[in-house]
Amino acid sequence: MRGMTVGAALAVAGVAAFVSAAAADPTTTTTLYGCAHAKNGLLKLVEEGEPCDDGWEAVAWLVEGPPGEQGTQGPPGDKGQDGDPGPDGADAVVPETVEVSVGDEAAARFDAASRTLHVAVPRGLRGQPGAHGPDGDPGPAGPFSGHFESPDGSVTIEVDNGGISLSAGGTSVRMFPAALAVRSSGTTEVRGVITLNGSCFPVARLNDPVTHRLPPRPGPLPPIWLPATIAGGSTTVLSC
């Protein structure tokens, strides 16, 4: 130990002996406390919390340091030897019957040929009906037919494959695949443009001005047109 005094060597030897004793005794603390001389480097052990004399500096160190990081995983080991083969299952004994406790109301049967256990359990009691679910969305309208009428029976609607009939008192409208019949005991009002047979011509009304053509004259003379008015018309077809 070159450069170390006898006192320092004895102090270090004492520390080593104390460390060995602390390692052997599991109840001893793993932290050592001491005082280091500032000039000659001598070390001496002290109790935890004991102050050092003048010229000495308090030191502490662990007997055992914290564990290091986990190392990398090693390569897989060699495959072990195969075990001895087990007994042959063909010599196993299959019982003809098996008793199984399944309750008073259930029954069990064991089929030795297929090695299947059949268990019959009676149906449980029927539960209470569940709550009414929400109404679904309305479905598409389907075909309909029949007789519909108002509460007092004065207005009716008939719908079938032959057509539609509307009736209200003395007025009726009947629509067929190729015809339309309108009957009324009162006034029938029609608004808008009315075409007859797919054509549309002006309709003259009572007192409308017209031009009257006189009978043709003999010879090459041109016809004579005179102004006039419509003085009469139909009593069943009226334009208002």
C-alpha atoms as a PDB file:
ATOM      1  CA  MET A   1       0.000   0.000   0.000  1.00  0.00           C
ATOM      2  CA  ARG A   2       2.325   2.697  -1.215  1.00  0.00           C
ATOM      3  CA  GLY A   3       1.471   6.218  -0.044  1.00  0.00           C
ATOM      4  CA  MET A   4      -0.871   4.984   2.704  1.00  0.00           C
ATOM      5  CA  THR A   5      -0.050   5.327   6.400  1.00  0.00           C
ATOM      6  CA  VAL A   6      -0.410   2.529   8.892  1.00  0.00           C
ATOM      7  CA  GLY A   7      -3.393   4.275  10.433  1.00  0.00           C
ATOM      8  CA  ALA A   8      -5.105   4.552   7.068  1.00  0.00           C
ATOM      9  CA  ALA A   9      -4.474   0.886   6.337  1.00  0.00           C
ATOM     10  CA  LEU A  10      -5.905  -0.082   9.698  1.00  0.00           C
ATOM     11  CA  ALA A  11      -8.919   2.124   9.059  1.00  0.00           C
ATOM     12  CA  VAL A  12      -9.480   0.581   5.639  1.00  0.00           C
ATOM     13  CA  ALA A  13      -9.064  -2.913   7.090  1.00  0.00           C
ATOM     14  CA  GLY A  14     -11.642  -2.054   9.716  1.00  0.00           C
ATOM     15  CA  VAL A  15     -14.040  -0.878   7.037  1.00  0.00           C
ATOM     16  CA  ALA A  16     -13.538  -4.096   5.048  1.00  0.00           C
ATOM     17  CA  ALA A  17     -14.178  -6.174   8.156  1.00  0.00           C
ATOM     18  CA  PHE A  18     -17.304  -4.152   8.907  1.00  0.00           C
ATOM     19  CA  VAL A  19     -18.515  -4.559   5.314  1.00  0.00           C
ATOM     20  CA  SER A  20     -17.990  -8.330   5.529  1.00  0.00           C
ATOM     21  CA  ALA A  21     -19.898  -8.459   8.796  1.00  0.00           C
ATOM     22  CA  ALA A  22     -22.704  -6.322   7.371  1.00  0.00           C
ATOM     23  CA  ALA A  23     -22.976  -8.573   4.335  1.00  0.00           C
ATOM     24  CA  ALA A  24     -23.144 -11.672   6.540  1.00  0.00           C
ATOM     25  CA  ASP A  25     -25.782 -10.188   8.822  1.00  0.00           C
ATOM     26  CA  PRO A  26     -29.040  -9.668   6.844  1.00  0.00           C
ATOM     27  CA  THR A  27     -30.425  -7.395   9.573  1.00  0.00           C
ATOM     28  CA  THR A  28     -27.515  -4.908   9.240  1.00  0.00           C
ATOM     29  CA  THR A  29     -28.184  -1.756   7.212  1.00  0.00           C
ATOM     30  CA  THR A  30     -26.777  -1.652   3.700  1.00  0.00           C
ATOM     31  CA  THR A  31     -25.528   1.958   4.101  1.00  0.00           C
ATOM     32  CA  LEU A  32     -22.192   2.731   5.827  1.00  0.00           C
ATOM     33  CA  TYR A  33     -21.441   6.086   7.427  1.00  0.00           C
ATOM     34  CA  GLY A  34     -17.948   7.373   8.194  1.00  0.00           C
ATOM     35  CA  CYS A  35     -15.558  10.287   8.461  1.00  0.00           C
ATOM     36  CA  ALA A  36     -12.653  10.918   6.071  1.00  0.00           C
ATOM     37  CA  HIS A  37      -9.641  12.955   7.198  1.00  0.00           C
ATOM     38  CA  ALA A  38      -9.226  15.924   4.920  1.00  0.00           C
ATOM     39  CA  LYS A  39      -5.389  15.722   4.807  1.00  0.00           C
ATOM     40  CA  ASN A  40      -4.211  12.117   5.168  1.00  0.00           C
ATOM     41  CA  GLY A  41      -7.322  10.293   3.838  1.00  0.00           C
ATOM     42  CA  LEU A  42      -7.909   8.214   6.971  1.00  0.00           C
ATOM     43  CA  LEU A  43     -11.406   6.691   7.230  1.00  0.00           C
ATOM     44  CA  LYS A  44     -13.305   5.807  10.348  1.00  0.00           C
ATOM     45  CA  LEU A  45     -16.829   4.391  10.776  1.00  0.00           C
ATOM     46  CA  VAL A  46     -19.414   6.283  12.822  1.00  0.00           C
ATOM     47  CA  GLU A  47     -23.076   5.766  13.699  1.00  0.00           C
ATOM     48  CA  GLU A  48     -25.743   7.239  11.465  1.00  0.00           C
ATOM     49  CA  GLY A  49     -26.230  10.898  12.375  1.00  0.00           C
ATOM     50  CA  GLU A  50     -22.994  11.144  14.409  1.00  0.00           C
ATOM     51  CA  PRO A  51     -21.090  14.370  13.486  1.00  0.00           C
ATOM     52  CA  CYS A  52     -17.464  14.292  12.386  1.00  0.00           C
ATOM     53  CA  ASP A  53     -14.683  16.119  14.244  1.00  0.00           C
ATOM     54  CA  ASP A  54     -13.004  19.182  12.850  1.00  0.00           C
ATOM     55  CA  GLY A  55     -10.772  18.318   9.918  1.00  0.00           C
ATOM     56  CA  TRP A  56     -12.901  15.309   9.034  1.00  0.00           C
ATOM     57  CA  GLU A  57     -15.551  15.111   6.304  1.00  0.00           C
ATOM     58  CA  ALA A  58     -18.722  12.984   6.566  1.00  0.00           C
ATOM     59  CA  VAL A  59     -19.052  10.263   3.929  1.00  0.00           C
ATOM     60  CA  ALA A  60     -21.508   7.433   3.269  1.00  0.00           C
ATOM     61  CA  TRP A  61     -21.590   4.551   0.824  1.00  0.00           C
ATOM     62  CA  LEU A  62     -23.725   1.481   0.078  1.00  0.00           C
ATOM     63  CA  VAL A  63     -22.574  -2.021   0.936  1.00  0.00           C
ATOM     64  CA  GLU A  64     -24.480  -3.309  -2.123  1.00  0.00           C
ATOM     65  CA  GLY A  65     -25.351  -1.121  -5.081  1.00  0.00           C
ATOM     66  CA  PRO A  66     -28.737  -1.065  -6.877  1.00  0.00           C
ATOM     67  CA  PRO A  67     -29.444  -3.834  -9.412  1.00  0.00           C
ATOM     68  CA  GLY A  68     -28.405  -3.161 -12.974  1.00  0.00           C
ATOM     69  CA  GLU A  69     -30.627  -3.222 -16.064  1.00  0.00           C
ATOM     70  CA  GLN A  70     -31.940  -6.532 -17.367  1.00  0.00           C
ATOM     71  CA  GLY A  71     -29.636  -8.127 -19.885  1.00  0.00           C
ATOM     72  CA  THR A  72     -30.627  -9.246 -23.371  1.00  0.00           C
ATOM     73  CA  GLN A  73     -32.392 -12.591 -23.735  1.00  0.00           C
ATOM     74  CA  GLY A  74     -30.135 -15.472 -24.549  1.00  0.00           C
ATOM     75  CA  PRO A  75     -30.620 -17.839 -27.496  1.00  0.00           C
ATOM     76  CA  PRO A  76     -33.115 -20.735 -27.126  1.00  0.00           C
ATOM     77  CA  GLY A  77     -31.791 -23.892 -25.608  1.00  0.00           C
ATOM     78  CA  ASP A  78     -31.457 -27.208 -27.399  1.00  0.00           C
ATOM     79  CA  LYS A  79     -34.560 -29.366 -27.840  1.00  0.00           C
ATOM     80  CA  GLY A  80     -34.991 -31.948 -25.118  1.00  0.00           C
ATOM     81  CA  GLN A  81     -35.335 -35.657 -25.732  1.00  0.00           C
ATOM     82  CA  ASP A  82     -38.723 -37.100 -26.658  1.00  0.00           C
ATOM     83  CA  GLY A  83     -40.635 -38.769 -23.827  1.00  0.00           C
ATOM     84  CA  ASP A  84     -41.655 -42.401 -23.776  1.00  0.00           C
ATOM     85  CA  PRO A  85     -44.906 -43.226 -25.664  1.00  0.00           C
ATOM     86  CA  GLY A  86     -48.060 -43.473 -23.563  1.00  0.00           C
ATOM     87  CA  PRO A  87     -50.281 -46.541 -23.271  1.00  0.00           C
ATOM     88  CA  ASP A  88     -52.488 -47.558 -26.197  1.00  0.00           C
ATOM     89  CA  GLY A  89     -55.980 -46.087 -25.867  1.00  0.00           C
ATOM     90  CA  ALA A  90     -57.575 -49.005 -27.693  1.00  0.00           C
ATOM     91  CA  ASP A  91     -57.313 -51.124 -24.530  1.00  0.00           C
ATOM     92  CA  ALA A  92     -59.302 -48.607 -22.467  1.00  0.00           C
ATOM     93  CA  VAL A  93     -62.422 -50.001 -20.851  1.00  0.00           C
ATOM     94  CA  VAL A  94     -65.646 -48.197 -21.824  1.00  0.00           C
ATOM     95  CA  PRO A  95     -68.490 -48.788 -19.372  1.00  0.00           C
ATOM     96  CA  GLU A  96     -71.853 -49.857 -20.704  1.00  0.00           C
ATOM     97  CA  THR A  97     -73.742 -47.509 -18.399  1.00  0.00           C
ATOM     98  CA  VAL A  98     -72.865 -44.310 -16.610  1.00  0.00           C
ATOM     99  CA  GLU A  99     -74.850 -42.857 -13.740  1.00  0.00           C
ATOM    100  CA  VAL A 100     -75.134 -39.073 -13.802  1.00  0.00           C
ATOM    101  CA  SER A 101     -76.968 -36.940 -11.265  1.00  0.00           C
ATOM    102  CA  VAL A 102     -78.963 -34.377 -13.263  1.00  0.00           C
ATOM    103  CA  GLY A 103     -81.856 -33.556 -10.924  1.00  0.00           C
ATOM    104  CA  ASP A 104     -85.343 -34.943 -10.346  1.00  0.00           C
ATOM    105  CA  GLU A 105     -86.940 -33.700 -13.572  1.00  0.00           C
ATOM    106  CA  ALA A 106     -84.069 -34.426 -15.982  1.00  0.00           C
ATOM    107  CA  ALA A 107     -82.891 -37.712 -17.500  1.00  0.00           C
ATOM    108  CA  ALA A 108     -79.518 -38.881 -18.837  1.00  0.00           C
ATOM    109  CA  ARG A 109     -78.484 -41.793 -21.062  1.00  0.00           C
ATOM    110  CA  PHE A 110     -74.976 -42.865 -22.061  1.00  0.00           C
ATOM    111  CA  ASP A 111     -74.387 -44.435 -25.476  1.00  0.00           C
ATOM    112  CA  ALA A 112     -71.347 -46.737 -25.080  1.00  0.00           C
ATOM    113  CA  ALA A 113     -70.884 -47.258 -28.830  1.00  0.00           C
ATOM    114  CA  SER A 114     -70.549 -43.546 -29.645  1.00  0.00           C
ATOM    115  CA  ARG A 115     -69.314 -42.560 -26.180  1.00  0.00           C
ATOM    116  CA  THR A 116     -72.013 -39.892 -26.047  1.00  0.00           C
ATOM    117  CA  LEU A 117     -73.920 -38.738 -22.991  1.00  0.00           C
ATOM    118  CA  HIS A 118     -77.508 -37.712 -23.812  1.00  0.00           C
ATOM    119  CA  VAL A 119     -79.155 -35.414 -21.267  1.00  0.00           C
ATOM    120  CA  ALA A 120     -82.846 -34.456 -21.521  1.00  0.00           C
ATOM    121  CA  VAL A 121     -83.902 -31.369 -19.574  1.00  0.00           C
ATOM    122  CA  PRO A 122     -87.597 -30.424 -19.362  1.00  0.00           C
ATOM    123  CA  ARG A 123     -88.713 -27.100 -20.779  1.00  0.00           C
ATOM    124  CA  GLY A 124     -88.751 -24.308 -18.225  1.00  0.00           C
ATOM    125  CA  LEU A 125     -91.758 -22.240 -17.293  1.00  0.00           C
ATOM    126  CA  ARG A 126     -92.887 -19.645 -19.775  1.00  0.00           C
ATOM    127  CA  GLY A 127     -91.849 -16.142 -18.807  1.00  0.00           C
ATOM    128  CA  GLN A 128     -94.008 -13.052 -18.697  1.00  0.00           C
ATOM    129  CA  PRO A 129     -94.626 -11.178 -21.963  1.00  0.00           C
ATOM    130  CA  GLY A 130     -92.142  -8.399 -22.600  1.00  0.00           C
ATOM    131  CA  ALA A 131     -92.971  -4.728 -22.843  1.00  0.00           C
ATOM    132  CA  HIS A 132     -94.575  -3.445 -26.035  1.00  0.00           C
ATOM    133  CA  GLY A 133     -91.916  -2.222 -28.426  1.00  0.00           C
ATOM    134  CA  PRO A 134     -92.065   1.097 -30.279  1.00  0.00           C
ATOM    135  CA  ASP A 135     -94.281   1.379 -33.341  1.00  0.00           C
ATOM    136  CA  GLY A 136     -92.512   0.846 -36.634  1.00  0.00           C
ATOM    137  CA  ASP A 137     -92.550   3.209 -39.582  1.00  0.00           C
ATOM    138  CA  PRO A 138     -95.691   3.102 -41.747  1.00  0.00           C
ATOM    139  CA  GLY A 139     -95.404   0.742 -44.671  1.00  0.00           C
ATOM    140  CA  PRO A 140     -96.167   1.578 -48.298  1.00  0.00           C
ATOM    141  CA  ALA A 141     -99.801   1.975 -49.290  1.00  0.00           C
ATOM    142  CA  GLY A 142    -101.306  -1.212 -50.670  1.00  0.00           C
ATOM    143  CA  PRO A 143    -104.306  -1.746 -52.969  1.00  0.00           C
ATOM    144  CA  PHE A 144    -107.738  -1.211 -51.443  1.00  0.00           C
ATOM    145  CA  SER A 145    -111.379  -1.421 -52.466  1.00  0.00           C
ATOM    146  CA  GLY A 146    -114.738  -1.144 -50.791  1.00  0.00           C
ATOM    147  CA  HIS A 147    -117.581   1.123 -49.804  1.00  0.00           C
ATOM    148  CA  PHE A 148    -116.956   4.243 -47.722  1.00  0.00           C
ATOM    149  CA  GLU A 149    -119.554   6.695 -46.472  1.00  0.00           C
ATOM    150  CA  SER A 150    -119.935   9.713 -44.201  1.00  0.00           C
ATOM    151  CA  PRO A 151    -121.368   9.324 -40.682  1.00  0.00           C
ATOM    152  CA  ASP A 152    -124.897  10.253 -41.864  1.00  0.00           C
ATOM    153  CA  GLY A 153    -124.621   8.161 -45.049  1.00  0.00           C
ATOM    154  CA  SER A 154    -125.318  11.110 -47.385  1.00  0.00           C
ATOM    155  CA  VAL A 155    -121.857  11.001 -49.036  1.00  0.00           C
ATOM    156  CA  THR A 156    -120.419   7.730 -50.374  1.00  0.00           C
ATOM    157  CA  ILE A 157    -117.342   6.514 -52.233  1.00  0.00           C
ATOM    158  CA  GLU A 158    -117.197   3.228 -54.114  1.00  0.00           C
ATOM    159  CA  VAL A 159    -113.787   1.878 -55.172  1.00  0.00           C
ATOM    160  CA  ASP A 160    -113.238  -1.345 -57.096  1.00  0.00           C
ATOM    161  CA  ASN A 161    -111.516  -2.586 -60.251  1.00  0.00           C
ATOM    162  CA  GLY A 162    -114.346  -1.144 -62.365  1.00  0.00           C
ATOM    163  CA  GLY A 163    -113.789   2.466 -61.328  1.00  0.00           C
ATOM    164  CA  ILE A 164    -114.572   5.075 -58.699  1.00  0.00           C
ATOM    165  CA  SER A 165    -118.016   6.443 -57.874  1.00  0.00           C
ATOM    166  CA  LEU A 166    -118.588   9.580 -55.814  1.00  0.00           C
ATOM    167  CA  SER A 167    -122.112  10.383 -54.636  1.00  0.00           C
ATOM    168  CA  ALA A 168    -123.457  13.282 -52.551  1.00  0.00           C
ATOM    169  CA  GLY A 169    -127.218  13.680 -52.556  1.00  0.00           C
ATOM    170  CA  GLY A 170    -128.452  14.192 -56.100  1.00  0.00           C
ATOM    171  CA  THR A 171    -124.930  14.687 -57.505  1.00  0.00           C
ATOM    172  CA  SER A 172    -122.680  11.825 -58.655  1.00  0.00           C
ATOM    173  CA  VAL A 173    -119.395  11.444 -60.469  1.00  0.00           C
ATOM    174  CA  ARG A 174    -118.529   8.064 -61.945  1.00  0.00           C
ATOM    175  CA  MET A 175    -115.060   7.424 -63.404  1.00  0.00           C
ATOM    176  CA  PHE A 176    -114.599   4.294 -65.477  1.00  0.00           C
ATOM    177  CA  PRO A 177    -111.514   3.102 -67.411  1.00  0.00           C
ATOM    178  CA  ALA A 178    -112.864   4.667 -70.656  1.00  0.00           C
ATOM    179  CA  ALA A 179    -115.672   7.015 -69.589  1.00  0.00           C
ATOM    180  CA  LEU A 180    -116.664   9.770 -67.156  1.00  0.00           C
ATOM    181  CA  ALA A 181    -120.247  10.486 -66.123  1.00  0.00           C
ATOM    182  CA  VAL A 182    -121.258  13.611 -64.171  1.00  0.00           C
ATOM    183  CA  ARG A 183    -124.838  14.000 -62.983  1.00  0.00           C
ATOM    184  CA  SER A 184    -126.239  16.814 -60.872  1.00  0.00           C
ATOM    185  CA  SER A 185    -129.704  17.983 -59.893  1.00  0.00           C
ATOM    186  CA  GLY A 186    -128.251  21.470 -59.225  1.00  0.00           C
ATOM    187  CA  THR A 187    -125.585  23.672 -60.732  1.00  0.00           C
ATOM    188  CA  THR A 188    -122.446  22.040 -62.108  1.00  0.00           C
ATOM    189  CA  GLU A 189    -119.487  24.435 -62.115  1.00  0.00           C
ATOM    190  CA  VAL A 190    -116.423  23.827 -64.267  1.00  0.00           C
ATOM    191  CA  ARG A 191    -113.516  26.310 -64.285  1.00  0.00           C
ATOM    192  CA  GLY A 192    -110.571  26.436 -66.661  1.00  0.00           C
ATOM    193  CA  VAL A 193    -110.140  25.451 -70.320  1.00  0.00           C
ATOM    194  CA  ILE A 194    -112.331  22.613 -71.578  1.00  0.00           C
ATOM    195  CA  THR A 195    -111.313  20.637 -74.669  1.00  0.00           C
ATOM    196  CA  LEU A 196    -113.660  18.386 -76.623  1.00  0.00           C
ATOM    197  CA  ASN A 197    -112.267  15.325 -78.402  1.00  0.00           C
ATOM    198  CA  GLY A 198    -108.746  16.586 -77.960  1.00  0.00           C
ATOM    199  CA  SER A 199    -109.370  19.927 -79.705  1.00  0.00           C
ATOM    200  CA  CYS A 200    -109.989  23.385 -78.303  1.00  0.00           C
ATOM    201  CA  PHE A 201    -112.260  25.925 -80.093  1.00  0.00           C
ATOM    202  CA  PRO A 202    -113.804  29.154 -78.829  1.00  0.00           C
ATOM    203  CA  VAL A 203    -117.326  28.806 -77.443  1.00  0.00           C
ATOM    204  CA  ALA A 204    -119.875  31.544 -78.279  1.00  0.00           C
ATOM    205  CA  ARG A 205    -122.016  32.830 -75.439  1.00  0.00           C
ATOM    206  CA  LEU A 206    -125.380  34.633 -75.392  1.00  0.00           C
ATOM    207  CA  ASN A 207    -125.045  38.233 -76.665  1.00  0.00           C
ATOM    208  CA  ASP A 208    -121.539  37.605 -78.028  1.00  0.00           C
ATOM    209  CA  PRO A 209    -120.938  39.627 -81.255  1.00  0.00           C
ATOM    210  CA  VAL A 210    -120.772  37.557 -84.420  1.00  0.00           C
ATOM    211  CA  THR A 211    -120.674  38.191 -88.193  1.00  0.00           C
ATOM    212  CA  HIS A 212    -123.645  36.930 -90.176  1.00  0.00           C
ATOM    213  CA  ARG A 213    -123.203  35.897 -93.819  1.00  0.00           C
ATOM    214  CA  LEU A 214    -126.071  36.617 -96.138  1.00  0.00           C
ATOM    215  CA  PRO A 215    -127.130  34.036 -98.746  1.00  0.00           C
ATOM    216  CA  PRO A 216    -124.857  34.007-101.809  1.00  0.00           C
ATOM    217  CA  ARG A 217    -125.838  36.397-104.609  1.00  0.00           C
ATOM    218  CA  PRO A 218    -126.011  35.283-108.252  1.00  0.00           C
ATOM    219  CA  GLY A 219    -123.013  35.909-110.393  1.00  0.00           C
ATOM    220  CA  PRO A 220    -119.450  36.635-109.394  1.00  0.00           C
ATOM    221  CA  LEU A 221    -120.451  39.085-106.663  1.00  0.00           C
ATOM    222  CA  PRO A 222    -118.670  38.596-103.272  1.00  0.00           C
ATOM    223  CA  PRO A 223    -120.651  37.460-100.215  1.00  0.00           C
ATOM    224  CA  ILE A 224    -122.069  40.005 -97.821  1.00  0.00           C
ATOM    225  CA  TRP A 225    -121.229  39.809 -94.044  1.00  0.00           C
ATOM    226  CA  LEU A 226    -123.351  41.707 -91.543  1.00  0.00           C
ATOM    227  CA  PRO A 227    -122.635  42.267 -87.805  1.00  0.00           C
ATOM    228  CA  ALA A 228    -125.015  40.496 -85.391  1.00  0.00           C
ATOM    229  CA  THR A 229    -125.275  39.042 -81.849  1.00  0.00           C
ATOM    230  CA  ILE A 230    -126.160  35.616 -80.480  1.00  0.00           C
ATOM    231  CA  ALA A 231    -129.786  35.844 -79.385  1.00  0.00           C
ATOM    232  CA  GLY A 232    -130.363  32.313 -78.054  1.00  0.00           C
ATOM    233  CA  GLY A 233    -128.468  29.329 -76.642  1.00  0.00           C
ATOM    234  CA  SER A 234    -128.693  26.014 -74.767  1.00  0.00           C
ATOM    235  CA  THR A 235    -130.787  25.856 -71.607  1.00  0.00           C
ATOM    236  CA  THR A 236    -128.686  23.008 -70.088  1.00  0.00           C
ATOM    237  CA  VAL A 237    -125.126  24.164 -70.890  1.00  0.00           C
ATOM    238  CA  LEU A 238    -124.466  27.608 -69.440  1.00  0.00           C
ATOM    239  CA  SER A 239    -121.280  29.694 -69.299  1.00  0.00           C
ATOM    240  CA  CYS A 240    -121.097  32.207 -66.465  1.00  0.00           C
END
